Amino acid sequence: QLNMAKKKEAFLQDFKEGPLQFKPTYKFDLDSEVYDTSEKKRKPAWTDRILWKVKNLSEVASKEDEFPEEENPISVTLNNYVSHMSYGISDHKPVTGTFKIEMKPLVSDPLVTLCAEGEWSAEHDVLIRYSAVPELPSSAWDWIGLFQVTFRHVKDYVTYAWVEDDEISSSRNSKQVYMSASEIPKMGGEFLLCYFSNNLQSIVGISEPFQV
């Protein structure tokens, strides 16, 4: 029924589904793995399904000649698609899917290149040197954060420095800012620096990992 609907309904045609390699998930007697024994004796069916669709950003962008269709920046891969027969509180068995999502960079070169200068420790203020491409829409609210290499979110910073308020030198090719020693982790470890652009609301540059 679903496959017939996908052929008929335009909005369903772009949705994908993994192979049905599990038994029908409906209809069961409660708290059992026995299909319907009631008077209706409903036929088992693959009622519970997971379909997915990736919005084709390249299709939208290709109208403006931004990048070709084969370079769609988002790809989704289905890792597994299974039912869970041990659950018995319903006449359905739940179904789960695990996906891998890959987001490809839209630009190959970073907008900002930055590095930690000298030896970093909590004993003294430390220095950061960075350079930005001319087209970067810079803002007084841009900042550089110190992150553990295992960070997962832009809010996971340990400390940060404002690129304007904490600037100590500037030249045509690079700028230098300081970061206060009072907030450098005393326990040390492996860290990296990230430049956050307020206008783009994104990290636009990441340093190589270094030791504190």
C-alpha atoms as a PDB file:
ATOM      1  CA  GLN A   1       0.000   0.000   0.000  1.00  0.00           C
ATOM      2  CA  LEU A   2       2.831   2.405   0.854  1.00  0.00           C
ATOM      3  CA  ASN A   3       4.728   1.597  -2.324  1.00  0.00           C
ATOM      4  CA  MET A   4       1.594   2.204  -4.371  1.00  0.00           C
ATOM      5  CA  ALA A   5       1.079   5.527  -2.612  1.00  0.00           C
ATOM      6  CA  LYS A   6       4.680   6.545  -3.339  1.00  0.00           C
ATOM      7  CA  LYS A   7       4.064   6.005  -7.050  1.00  0.00           C
ATOM      8  CA  LYS A   8       0.821   7.990  -6.970  1.00  0.00           C
ATOM      9  CA  GLU A   9       1.523  10.826  -4.531  1.00  0.00           C
ATOM     10  CA  ALA A  10       4.160  13.296  -5.712  1.00  0.00           C
ATOM     11  CA  PHE A  11       5.144  14.417  -2.191  1.00  0.00           C
ATOM     12  CA  LEU A  12       6.099  10.832  -1.267  1.00  0.00           C
ATOM     13  CA  GLN A  13       8.220  10.047  -4.303  1.00  0.00           C
ATOM     14  CA  ASP A  14      11.446  11.564  -2.936  1.00  0.00           C
ATOM     15  CA  PHE A  15      11.229   9.653   0.346  1.00  0.00           C
ATOM     16  CA  LYS A  16      13.487   6.632   0.799  1.00  0.00           C
ATOM     17  CA  GLU A  17      13.150   3.513   2.927  1.00  0.00           C
ATOM     18  CA  GLY A  18      15.542   0.762   3.896  1.00  0.00           C
ATOM     19  CA  PRO A  19      14.898  -2.918   3.105  1.00  0.00           C
ATOM     20  CA  LEU A  20      12.203  -4.616   5.187  1.00  0.00           C
ATOM     21  CA  GLN A  21      14.311  -7.414   6.641  1.00  0.00           C
ATOM     22  CA  PHE A  22      12.149  -7.912   9.722  1.00  0.00           C
ATOM     23  CA  LYS A  23       8.816  -9.597  10.284  1.00  0.00           C
ATOM     24  CA  PRO A  24       5.563  -7.626  10.007  1.00  0.00           C
ATOM     25  CA  THR A  25       5.145  -5.444  13.075  1.00  0.00           C
ATOM     26  CA  TYR A  26       1.327  -5.469  13.265  1.00  0.00           C
ATOM     27  CA  LYS A  27      -1.022  -6.874  14.551  1.00  0.00           C
ATOM     28  CA  PHE A  28      -0.002  -8.778  17.716  1.00  0.00           C
ATOM     29  CA  ASP A  29      -1.855 -10.017  20.752  1.00  0.00           C
ATOM     30  CA  LEU A  30      -0.787  -7.841  23.676  1.00  0.00           C
ATOM     31  CA  ASP A  31       2.306  -8.927  25.600  1.00  0.00           C
ATOM     32  CA  SER A  32       3.159 -11.579  23.029  1.00  0.00           C
ATOM     33  CA  GLU A  33       4.824 -12.294  19.712  1.00  0.00           C
ATOM     34  CA  VAL A  34       1.670 -13.997  18.445  1.00  0.00           C
ATOM     35  CA  TYR A  35      -0.217 -12.407  15.563  1.00  0.00           C
ATOM     36  CA  ASP A  36      -3.873 -11.508  16.022  1.00  0.00           C
ATOM     37  CA  THR A  37      -5.947 -14.397  17.394  1.00  0.00           C
ATOM     38  CA  SER A  38      -9.106 -12.319  17.854  1.00  0.00           C
ATOM     39  CA  GLU A  39     -12.259 -12.827  15.790  1.00  0.00           C
ATOM     40  CA  LYS A  40     -10.977 -10.291  13.242  1.00  0.00           C
ATOM     41  CA  LYS A  41      -7.786 -12.306  12.644  1.00  0.00           C
ATOM     42  CA  ARG A  42      -6.124  -9.367  10.985  1.00  0.00           C
ATOM     43  CA  LYS A  43      -3.333 -10.207   8.572  1.00  0.00           C
ATOM     44  CA  PRO A  44       0.186  -9.291   9.713  1.00  0.00           C
ATOM     45  CA  ALA A  45       1.398  -6.073   8.102  1.00  0.00           C
ATOM     46  CA  TRP A  46       4.475  -3.823   7.953  1.00  0.00           C
ATOM     47  CA  THR A  47       2.501  -0.908   9.361  1.00  0.00           C
ATOM     48  CA  ASP A  48       5.318   0.784  11.275  1.00  0.00           C
ATOM     49  CA  ARG A  49       7.808   2.294   8.834  1.00  0.00           C
ATOM     50  CA  ILE A  50      10.605   4.853   8.711  1.00  0.00           C
ATOM     51  CA  LEU A  51      11.051   6.940   5.597  1.00  0.00           C
ATOM     52  CA  TRP A  52      13.452   9.817   5.133  1.00  0.00           C
ATOM     53  CA  LYS A  53      14.132  12.610   2.714  1.00  0.00           C
ATOM     54  CA  VAL A  54      17.056  15.005   2.380  1.00  0.00           C
ATOM     55  CA  LYS A  55      16.152  18.468   1.197  1.00  0.00           C
ATOM     56  CA  ASN A  56      18.059  18.877  -2.045  1.00  0.00           C
ATOM     57  CA  LEU A  57      19.909  22.107  -1.352  1.00  0.00           C
ATOM     58  CA  SER A  58      21.848  21.844  -4.591  1.00  0.00           C
ATOM     59  CA  GLU A  59      18.603  21.804  -6.554  1.00  0.00           C
ATOM     60  CA  VAL A  60      17.661  25.141  -5.036  1.00  0.00           C
ATOM     61  CA  ALA A  61      21.149  26.565  -5.393  1.00  0.00           C
ATOM     62  CA  SER A  62      21.605  25.373  -8.968  1.00  0.00           C
ATOM     63  CA  LYS A  63      18.953  27.868 -10.020  1.00  0.00           C
ATOM     64  CA  GLU A  64      21.416  30.532  -8.954  1.00  0.00           C
ATOM     65  CA  ASP A  65      24.441  28.604 -10.296  1.00  0.00           C
ATOM     66  CA  GLU A  66      25.978  28.298  -6.835  1.00  0.00           C
ATOM     67  CA  PHE A  67      27.174  24.712  -7.138  1.00  0.00           C
ATOM     68  CA  PRO A  68      26.317  21.645  -9.248  1.00  0.00           C
ATOM     69  CA  GLU A  69      23.816  19.051  -8.128  1.00  0.00           C
ATOM     70  CA  GLU A  70      26.410  16.334  -7.501  1.00  0.00           C
ATOM     71  CA  GLU A  71      27.899  18.461  -4.726  1.00  0.00           C
ATOM     72  CA  ASN A  72      24.885  18.379  -2.439  1.00  0.00           C
ATOM     73  CA  PRO A  73      26.439  19.240   0.947  1.00  0.00           C
ATOM     74  CA  ILE A  74      24.273  16.812   2.954  1.00  0.00           C
ATOM     75  CA  SER A  75      24.183  13.035   2.623  1.00  0.00           C
ATOM     76  CA  VAL A  76      22.303  10.482   4.721  1.00  0.00           C
ATOM     77  CA  THR A  77      23.140   6.794   5.001  1.00  0.00           C
ATOM     78  CA  LEU A  78      20.931   4.232   6.741  1.00  0.00           C
ATOM     79  CA  ASN A  79      23.049   2.071   9.061  1.00  0.00           C
ATOM     80  CA  ASN A  80      20.308  -0.221  10.334  1.00  0.00           C
ATOM     81  CA  TYR A  81      16.531  -0.603  10.186  1.00  0.00           C
ATOM     82  CA  VAL A  82      15.078  -3.060  12.708  1.00  0.00           C
ATOM     83  CA  SER A  83      12.005  -3.967  14.725  1.00  0.00           C
ATOM     84  CA  HIS A  84      11.999  -4.705  18.458  1.00  0.00           C
ATOM     85  CA  MET A  85       9.939  -7.801  19.157  1.00  0.00           C
ATOM     86  CA  SER A  86      10.509  -7.789  22.931  1.00  0.00           C
ATOM     87  CA  TYR A  87       8.062  -4.915  23.500  1.00  0.00           C
ATOM     88  CA  GLY A  88       4.533  -6.086  24.214  1.00  0.00           C
ATOM     89  CA  ILE A  89       2.488  -3.155  25.560  1.00  0.00           C
ATOM     90  CA  SER A  90       0.907  -2.510  22.163  1.00  0.00           C
ATOM     91  CA  ASP A  91      -0.397  -4.500  19.230  1.00  0.00           C
ATOM     92  CA  HIS A  92       2.467  -2.894  17.251  1.00  0.00           C
ATOM     93  CA  LYS A  93       6.168  -3.651  17.581  1.00  0.00           C
ATOM     94  CA  PRO A  94       8.346  -0.523  17.534  1.00  0.00           C
ATOM     95  CA  VAL A  95      10.736   0.104  14.660  1.00  0.00           C
ATOM     96  CA  THR A  96      13.979   2.100  14.793  1.00  0.00           C
ATOM     97  CA  GLY A  97      16.460   3.318  12.235  1.00  0.00           C
ATOM     98  CA  THR A  98      20.026   4.521  12.796  1.00  0.00           C
ATOM     99  CA  PHE A  99      21.428   6.996  10.306  1.00  0.00           C
ATOM    100  CA  LYS A 100      24.803   8.490   9.479  1.00  0.00           C
ATOM    101  CA  ILE A 101      24.588  12.133   8.434  1.00  0.00           C
ATOM    102  CA  GLU A 102      27.503  13.777   6.659  1.00  0.00           C
ATOM    103  CA  MET A 103      27.659  17.515   6.083  1.00  0.00           C
ATOM    104  CA  LYS A 104      30.280  18.471   3.542  1.00  0.00           C
ATOM    105  CA  PRO A 105      31.961  21.871   3.775  1.00  0.00           C
ATOM    106  CA  LEU A 106      30.602  24.519   1.443  1.00  0.00           C
ATOM    107  CA  VAL A 107      34.044  26.118   1.185  1.00  0.00           C
ATOM    108  CA  SER A 108      37.392  24.350   0.910  1.00  0.00           C
ATOM    109  CA  ASP A 109      39.511  27.043   2.559  1.00  0.00           C
ATOM    110  CA  PRO A 110      38.798  28.533   6.010  1.00  0.00           C
ATOM    111  CA  LEU A 111      37.747  32.165   6.220  1.00  0.00           C
ATOM    112  CA  VAL A 112      40.048  32.597   9.214  1.00  0.00           C
ATOM    113  CA  THR A 113      43.428  30.990   9.908  1.00  0.00           C
ATOM    114  CA  LEU A 114      44.558  31.121  13.528  1.00  0.00           C
ATOM    115  CA  CYS A 115      47.206  29.658  15.800  1.00  0.00           C
ATOM    116  CA  ALA A 116      48.294  29.679  19.432  1.00  0.00           C
ATOM    117  CA  GLU A 117      51.598  31.514  19.880  1.00  0.00           C
ATOM    118  CA  GLY A 118      54.294  30.460  22.291  1.00  0.00           C
ATOM    119  CA  GLU A 119      53.842  28.207  25.318  1.00  0.00           C
ATOM    120  CA  TRP A 120      50.326  28.094  26.750  1.00  0.00           C
ATOM    121  CA  SER A 121      49.781  27.697  30.498  1.00  0.00           C
ATOM    122  CA  ALA A 122      47.759  29.195  33.325  1.00  0.00           C
ATOM    123  CA  GLU A 123      50.869  31.016  34.546  1.00  0.00           C
ATOM    124  CA  HIS A 124      50.599  33.974  32.157  1.00  0.00           C
ATOM    125  CA  ASP A 125      48.378  35.628  29.559  1.00  0.00           C
ATOM    126  CA  VAL A 126      48.632  33.909  26.194  1.00  0.00           C
ATOM    127  CA  LEU A 127      48.636  35.127  22.594  1.00  0.00           C
ATOM    128  CA  ILE A 128      46.601  34.230  19.523  1.00  0.00           C
ATOM    129  CA  ARG A 129      47.531  35.215  15.997  1.00  0.00           C
ATOM    130  CA  TYR A 130      44.990  35.094  13.198  1.00  0.00           C
ATOM    131  CA  SER A 131      44.375  36.295   9.660  1.00  0.00           C
ATOM    132  CA  ALA A 132      41.066  36.582   7.819  1.00  0.00           C
ATOM    133  CA  VAL A 133      40.173  36.652   4.141  1.00  0.00           C
ATOM    134  CA  PRO A 134      39.083  40.117   2.914  1.00  0.00           C
ATOM    135  CA  GLU A 135      35.529  38.999   2.214  1.00  0.00           C
ATOM    136  CA  LEU A 136      34.866  37.909   5.826  1.00  0.00           C
ATOM    137  CA  PRO A 137      31.980  40.067   7.158  1.00  0.00           C
ATOM    138  CA  SER A 138      33.697  40.857  10.461  1.00  0.00           C
ATOM    139  CA  SER A 139      31.896  42.235  13.517  1.00  0.00           C
ATOM    140  CA  ALA A 140      32.809  43.743  16.877  1.00  0.00           C
ATOM    141  CA  TRP A 141      31.010  40.735  18.373  1.00  0.00           C
ATOM    142  CA  ASP A 142      33.330  38.147  16.779  1.00  0.00           C
ATOM    143  CA  TRP A 143      35.286  36.088  19.309  1.00  0.00           C
ATOM    144  CA  ILE A 144      37.928  33.379  19.524  1.00  0.00           C
ATOM    145  CA  GLY A 145      37.207  30.512  21.884  1.00  0.00           C
ATOM    146  CA  LEU A 146      39.458  27.979  23.560  1.00  0.00           C
ATOM    147  CA  PHE A 147      37.953  24.495  23.218  1.00  0.00           C
ATOM    148  CA  GLN A 148      38.927  20.996  24.220  1.00  0.00           C
ATOM    149  CA  VAL A 149      39.591  18.929  21.109  1.00  0.00           C
ATOM    150  CA  THR A 150      36.536  16.791  21.946  1.00  0.00           C
ATOM    151  CA  PHE A 151      34.077  19.728  21.890  1.00  0.00           C
ATOM    152  CA  ARG A 152      30.718  19.131  20.235  1.00  0.00           C
ATOM    153  CA  HIS A 153      28.991  22.516  20.310  1.00  0.00           C
ATOM    154  CA  VAL A 154      29.983  26.138  19.915  1.00  0.00           C
ATOM    155  CA  LYS A 155      28.893  26.746  23.519  1.00  0.00           C
ATOM    156  CA  ASP A 156      31.444  24.208  24.816  1.00  0.00           C
ATOM    157  CA  TYR A 157      34.225  26.813  24.984  1.00  0.00           C
ATOM    158  CA  VAL A 158      36.445  26.940  28.081  1.00  0.00           C
ATOM    159  CA  THR A 159      37.117  30.667  27.699  1.00  0.00           C
ATOM    160  CA  TYR A 160      37.178  33.224  24.893  1.00  0.00           C
ATOM    161  CA  ALA A 161      38.656  36.534  23.746  1.00  0.00           C
ATOM    162  CA  TRP A 162      36.918  39.311  21.819  1.00  0.00           C
ATOM    163  CA  VAL A 163      38.748  39.923  18.553  1.00  0.00           C
ATOM    164  CA  GLU A 164      38.437  43.729  18.909  1.00  0.00           C
ATOM    165  CA  ASP A 165      38.460  44.416  22.649  1.00  0.00           C
ATOM    166  CA  ASP A 166      41.375  42.044  23.298  1.00  0.00           C
ATOM    167  CA  GLU A 167      43.431  42.970  20.231  1.00  0.00           C
ATOM    168  CA  ILE A 168      47.019  44.012  20.993  1.00  0.00           C
ATOM    169  CA  SER A 169      48.519  44.323  17.515  1.00  0.00           C
ATOM    170  CA  SER A 170      47.385  44.540  13.922  1.00  0.00           C
ATOM    171  CA  SER A 171      49.089  44.493  10.540  1.00  0.00           C
ATOM    172  CA  ARG A 172      48.025  44.052   6.956  1.00  0.00           C
ATOM    173  CA  ASN A 173      48.502  40.286   7.064  1.00  0.00           C
ATOM    174  CA  SER A 174      47.560  39.306  10.614  1.00  0.00           C
ATOM    175  CA  LYS A 175      46.229  40.380  13.978  1.00  0.00           C
ATOM    176  CA  GLN A 176      47.095  39.397  17.518  1.00  0.00           C
ATOM    177  CA  VAL A 177      44.833  39.137  20.566  1.00  0.00           C
ATOM    178  CA  TYR A 178      45.511  38.053  24.119  1.00  0.00           C
ATOM    179  CA  MET A 179      43.623  35.629  26.358  1.00  0.00           C
ATOM    180  CA  SER A 180      43.693  36.060  30.115  1.00  0.00           C
ATOM    181  CA  ALA A 181      45.700  33.524  32.148  1.00  0.00           C
ATOM    182  CA  SER A 182      43.019  33.507  34.862  1.00  0.00           C
ATOM    183  CA  GLU A 183      40.719  31.361  32.721  1.00  0.00           C
ATOM    184  CA  ILE A 184      43.273  29.014  31.154  1.00  0.00           C
ATOM    185  CA  PRO A 185      42.708  25.478  32.551  1.00  0.00           C
ATOM    186  CA  LYS A 186      45.355  24.620  35.127  1.00  0.00           C
ATOM    187  CA  MET A 187      44.982  20.895  34.526  1.00  0.00           C
ATOM    188  CA  GLY A 188      46.175  21.379  30.939  1.00  0.00           C
ATOM    189  CA  GLY A 189      45.439  19.021  28.088  1.00  0.00           C
ATOM    190  CA  GLU A 190      44.927  19.174  24.337  1.00  0.00           C
ATOM    191  CA  PHE A 191      42.983  22.161  23.050  1.00  0.00           C
ATOM    192  CA  LEU A 192      42.258  24.141  19.904  1.00  0.00           C
ATOM    193  CA  LEU A 193      41.084  27.639  18.994  1.00  0.00           C
ATOM    194  CA  CYS A 194      37.925  28.486  17.056  1.00  0.00           C
ATOM    195  CA  TYR A 195      36.963  31.811  15.484  1.00  0.00           C
ATOM    196  CA  PHE A 196      33.231  32.504  15.761  1.00  0.00           C
ATOM    197  CA  SER A 197      31.671  34.946  13.292  1.00  0.00           C
ATOM    198  CA  ASN A 198      28.695  36.813  14.719  1.00  0.00           C
ATOM    199  CA  ASN A 199      27.405  37.799  11.272  1.00  0.00           C
ATOM    200  CA  LEU A 200      27.572  34.253   9.937  1.00  0.00           C
ATOM    201  CA  GLN A 201      26.594  32.672  13.276  1.00  0.00           C
ATOM    202  CA  SER A 202      29.173  29.979  12.659  1.00  0.00           C
ATOM    203  CA  ILE A 203      32.706  28.854  13.408  1.00  0.00           C
ATOM    204  CA  VAL A 204      34.756  29.974  10.393  1.00  0.00           C
ATOM    205  CA  GLY A 205      38.251  28.949  11.461  1.00  0.00           C
ATOM    206  CA  ILE A 206      39.819  26.229  13.629  1.00  0.00           C
ATOM    207  CA  SER A 207      43.447  25.988  14.712  1.00  0.00           C
ATOM    208  CA  GLU A 208      45.597  22.892  14.831  1.00  0.00           C
ATOM    209  CA  PRO A 209      45.430  21.117  18.243  1.00  0.00           C
ATOM    210  CA  PHE A 210      48.025  22.205  20.805  1.00  0.00           C
ATOM    211  CA  GLN A 211      48.998  21.461  24.399  1.00  0.00           C
ATOM    212  CA  VAL A 212      48.236  23.664  27.409  1.00  0.00           C
END
